[in-house]
C-alpha cells in the first residue's frame, strides 16, 4: 500500500481566527486599563506623594515613641515639603529655624543634606507638579505636627493636639490627610 506523503508536508504556521480574536481582545482590555493611568500620570505621582507623607508622619510618631523623645514634622510654607526634627518640650510652638534644627537622621538619604530627614517635592524625582497646598494643624494654620514620647500629638504647653489636615495637590486632583486629635491617626480622602 502506497502512502501519499504530500499531505504531511510542513505547512507554514498560521493563526486561526479564534486565536487572533483572543489576542485583540486581550490587547483591548489591557489598553482600557492602562491608558487612564498613562494619560493621568500626575495622579500616580500624587498618590505616591501621599503615601510618602503618610509613611513619614507615621515614622515620626513611632520614632518619638521608640526613643521616648519629642518629634516635630515641620511643613515648609511654600508647599515644597517638610522635615523631621527632634525638639524639647519647651520648644513646642517655637519658630522653626533650619540652621539650628536637630534633624532626625535619614538612613536611606542618598548623600543630600548629610542624611537629614528632609523631603522636598521640588528636588525628589517622580513628584513633578505635586505640592502641599494647605496645612492646618492644631488650628491657626499651624505648619508643625508634634508627637510626645508616648506617640500622641501635642501642642504648646504639652496639651494634647487637636488634629488637623494636610492637602496635597497635583493637577485637578487633591488628597486630604486628616490627623486625628490626640492619637495622630491618619485618614486619607480624595477631594
Protein backbone atom coordinates (compact mmCIF):
# COMPACT_ATOMS: atom_id res chain seq x y z
CA UNK A 1 0.00 0.00 0.00
CA UNK A 2 1.34 3.36 -1.01
CA UNK A 3 1.13 6.34 1.37
CA UNK A 4 0.71 9.79 -0.03
CA UNK A 5 3.23 11.82 1.96
CA UNK A 6 2.46 15.09 0.22
CA UNK A 7 -0.37 15.78 2.70
CA UNK A 8 2.05 15.70 5.61
CA UNK A 9 4.42 18.34 4.39
CA UNK A 10 5.37 21.07 6.87
CA UNK A 11 2.99 23.88 6.10
CA UNK A 12 3.73 27.47 7.26
CA UNK A 13 2.46 28.42 10.70
CA UNK A 14 -0.79 30.36 10.70
CA UNK A 15 -3.18 31.63 13.34
CA UNK A 16 -6.81 30.72 13.48
CA UNK A 17 -9.50 33.37 13.64
CA UNK A 18 -10.21 32.46 17.27
CA UNK A 19 -6.56 32.99 18.27
CA UNK A 20 -6.46 36.40 16.57
CA UNK A 21 -9.71 37.45 18.28
CA UNK A 22 -8.37 36.40 21.69
CA UNK A 23 -5.17 38.42 21.23
CA UNK A 24 -7.07 41.51 20.02
CA UNK A 25 -9.46 41.23 22.98
CA UNK A 26 -6.58 40.95 25.46
CA UNK A 27 -4.81 43.95 23.94
CA UNK A 28 -8.03 45.97 24.07
CA UNK A 29 -8.59 45.07 27.70
CA UNK A 30 -5.00 45.93 28.65
CA UNK A 31 -5.18 49.30 26.91
CA UNK A 32 -8.53 50.10 28.55
CA UNK A 33 -6.96 49.51 31.95
CA UNK A 34 -3.61 51.22 31.34
CA UNK A 35 -4.44 54.27 29.23
CA UNK A 36 -6.19 56.20 32.04
CA UNK A 37 -3.09 55.80 34.21
CA UNK A 38 -0.73 56.80 31.42
CA UNK A 39 -2.80 59.85 30.49
CA UNK A 40 -3.08 60.97 34.12
CA UNK A 41 0.49 60.31 35.23
CA UNK A 42 0.30 63.15 37.72
CA UNK A 43 -2.41 61.19 39.55
CA UNK A 44 0.03 58.35 40.18
CA UNK A 45 2.71 60.82 41.30
CA UNK A 46 0.17 62.40 43.64
CA UNK A 47 -0.76 59.05 45.15
CA UNK A 48 2.93 58.23 45.64
CA UNK A 49 3.48 61.59 47.36
CA UNK A 50 0.51 60.99 49.69
CA UNK A 51 1.85 57.56 50.62
CA UNK A 52 5.26 59.12 51.27
CA UNK A 53 3.83 61.83 53.57
CA UNK A 54 1.70 59.31 55.50
CA UNK A 55 4.70 57.00 55.92
CA UNK A 56 6.93 59.81 57.17
CA UNK A 57 4.37 61.09 59.66
CA UNK A 58 3.92 57.55 60.94
CA UNK A 59 7.70 57.21 61.16
CA UNK A 60 7.97 60.43 63.21
CA UNK A 61 5.28 59.16 65.58
CA UNK A 62 6.92 55.76 66.07
CA UNK A 63 10.37 57.39 66.37
CA UNK A 64 9.10 59.61 69.20
CA UNK A 65 7.67 56.57 70.93
CA UNK A 66 10.71 54.34 70.47
CA UNK A 67 13.21 57.00 71.61
CA UNK A 68 10.91 58.48 74.29
CA UNK A 69 11.53 61.97 72.88
CA UNK A 70 9.51 64.72 71.22
CA UNK A 71 9.39 64.92 67.42
CA UNK A 72 8.34 67.72 65.09
CA UNK A 73 7.18 67.39 61.50
CA UNK A 74 7.66 70.88 60.05
CA UNK A 75 5.89 71.62 56.75
CA UNK A 76 7.50 74.37 54.67
CA UNK A 77 5.39 77.45 53.99
CA UNK A 78 5.96 77.26 50.22
CA UNK A 79 4.40 73.76 49.99
CA UNK A 80 7.59 72.13 48.75
CA UNK A 81 7.90 69.57 51.52
CA UNK A 82 8.75 69.01 55.17
CA UNK A 83 11.42 67.86 57.59
CA UNK A 84 11.53 65.70 60.73
CA UNK A 85 13.39 67.06 63.75
CA UNK A 86 13.94 66.40 67.45
CA UNK A 87 12.60 69.00 69.86
CA UNK A 88 12.42 69.51 73.60
CA UNK A 89 9.05 70.03 75.25
CA UNK A 90 9.98 73.68 75.87
CA UNK A 91 10.49 74.21 72.10
CA UNK A 92 6.98 73.11 71.11
CA UNK A 93 5.32 76.03 69.35
CA UNK A 94 8.57 77.93 68.81
CA UNK A 95 9.54 79.32 65.40
CA UNK A 96 11.28 76.77 63.16
CA UNK A 97 14.93 77.57 62.41
CA UNK A 98 16.51 75.43 59.69
CA UNK A 99 20.04 76.39 60.81
CA UNK A 100 19.70 75.18 64.41
CA UNK A 101 17.18 72.35 63.93
CA UNK A 102 18.21 68.93 65.25
CA UNK A 103 17.24 66.86 62.21
CA UNK A 104 16.45 63.20 62.53
CA UNK A 105 18.96 61.13 60.54
CA UNK A 106 17.50 59.66 57.36
CA UNK A 107 19.25 56.31 56.93
CA UNK A 108 18.25 55.99 53.27
CA UNK A 109 19.08 59.55 52.17
CA UNK A 110 21.33 59.40 49.09
CA UNK A 111 24.00 61.80 50.35
CA UNK A 112 21.95 65.01 50.32
CA UNK A 113 21.81 67.13 53.46
CA UNK A 114 24.17 64.71 55.24
CA UNK A 115 21.31 62.33 55.96
CA UNK A 116 18.94 64.94 57.40
CA UNK A 117 15.33 63.79 57.22
CA UNK A 118 14.12 66.33 54.65
CA UNK A 119 11.55 65.60 51.96
CA UNK A 120 11.48 68.21 49.20
CA UNK A 121 8.95 67.62 46.41
CA UNK A 122 10.77 70.03 44.10
CA UNK A 123 14.02 68.05 44.16
CA UNK A 124 12.81 64.46 44.65
CA UNK A 125 12.49 62.51 41.41
CA UNK A 126 8.98 61.48 40.36
CA UNK A 127 6.96 64.22 42.05
CA UNK A 128 6.72 66.81 39.26
CA UNK A 129 3.65 69.02 39.65
CA UNK A 130 2.87 67.79 43.18
CA UNK A 131 2.68 70.29 46.04
CA UNK A 132 1.43 70.53 49.59
CA UNK A 133 -1.21 73.22 49.14
CA UNK A 134 -2.66 73.59 52.62
CA UNK A 135 -1.51 72.64 56.11
CA UNK A 136 -3.70 73.36 59.11
CA UNK A 137 -2.55 71.58 62.25
CA UNK A 138 -3.76 72.41 65.77
CA UNK A 139 -5.64 75.49 64.49
CA UNK A 140 -4.32 78.87 63.34
CA UNK A 141 -2.97 77.38 60.08
CA UNK A 142 -0.16 75.67 62.01
CA UNK A 143 2.60 74.10 59.93
CA UNK A 144 4.02 71.87 62.65
CA UNK A 145 2.90 68.49 63.91
CA UNK A 146 4.37 67.42 67.26
CA UNK A 147 4.50 63.97 68.84
CA UNK A 148 5.22 63.34 72.51
CA UNK A 149 7.23 60.40 73.96
CA UNK A 150 4.04 58.30 74.05
CA UNK A 151 3.36 58.88 70.34
CA UNK A 152 0.41 61.21 70.89
CA UNK A 153 0.03 64.60 69.26
CA UNK A 154 0.77 67.64 71.42
CA UNK A 155 0.74 71.39 71.07
CA UNK A 156 2.14 74.33 73.04
CA UNK A 157 2.11 73.74 76.78
CA UNK A 158 2.09 69.96 76.43
CA UNK A 159 -1.67 69.99 75.82
CA UNK A 160 -2.95 67.16 73.58
CA UNK A 161 -3.13 68.18 69.93
CA UNK A 162 -6.49 68.93 68.31
CA UNK A 163 -5.58 67.39 64.95
CA UNK A 164 -5.68 68.96 61.55
CA UNK A 165 -5.43 68.46 57.82
CA UNK A 166 -2.80 68.40 55.09
CA UNK A 167 -3.83 68.82 51.44
CA UNK A 168 -1.64 67.56 48.63
CA UNK A 169 -2.43 68.54 45.04
CA UNK A 170 -1.36 67.67 41.50
CA UNK A 171 -3.29 68.97 38.52
CA UNK A 172 -7.00 68.84 39.31
CA UNK A 173 -6.71 66.14 42.00
CA UNK A 174 -6.37 66.81 45.72
CA UNK A 175 -5.95 64.38 48.59
CA UNK A 176 -6.57 65.38 52.18
CA UNK A 177 -4.76 63.73 55.07
CA UNK A 178 -6.75 64.09 58.30
CA UNK A 179 -4.83 63.92 61.57
CA UNK A 180 -6.97 62.74 64.48
CA UNK A 181 -6.77 64.63 67.78
CA UNK A 182 -4.54 63.16 70.47
CA UNK A 183 -3.82 59.82 68.75
CA UNK A 184 -2.46 61.17 65.46
CA UNK A 185 -4.32 58.53 63.47
CA UNK A 186 -4.15 59.35 59.77
CA UNK A 187 -7.02 59.11 57.30
CA UNK A 188 -6.69 59.88 53.59
CA UNK A 189 -9.57 61.03 51.37
CA UNK A 190 -9.75 62.14 47.74
CA UNK A 191 -11.30 65.59 47.49
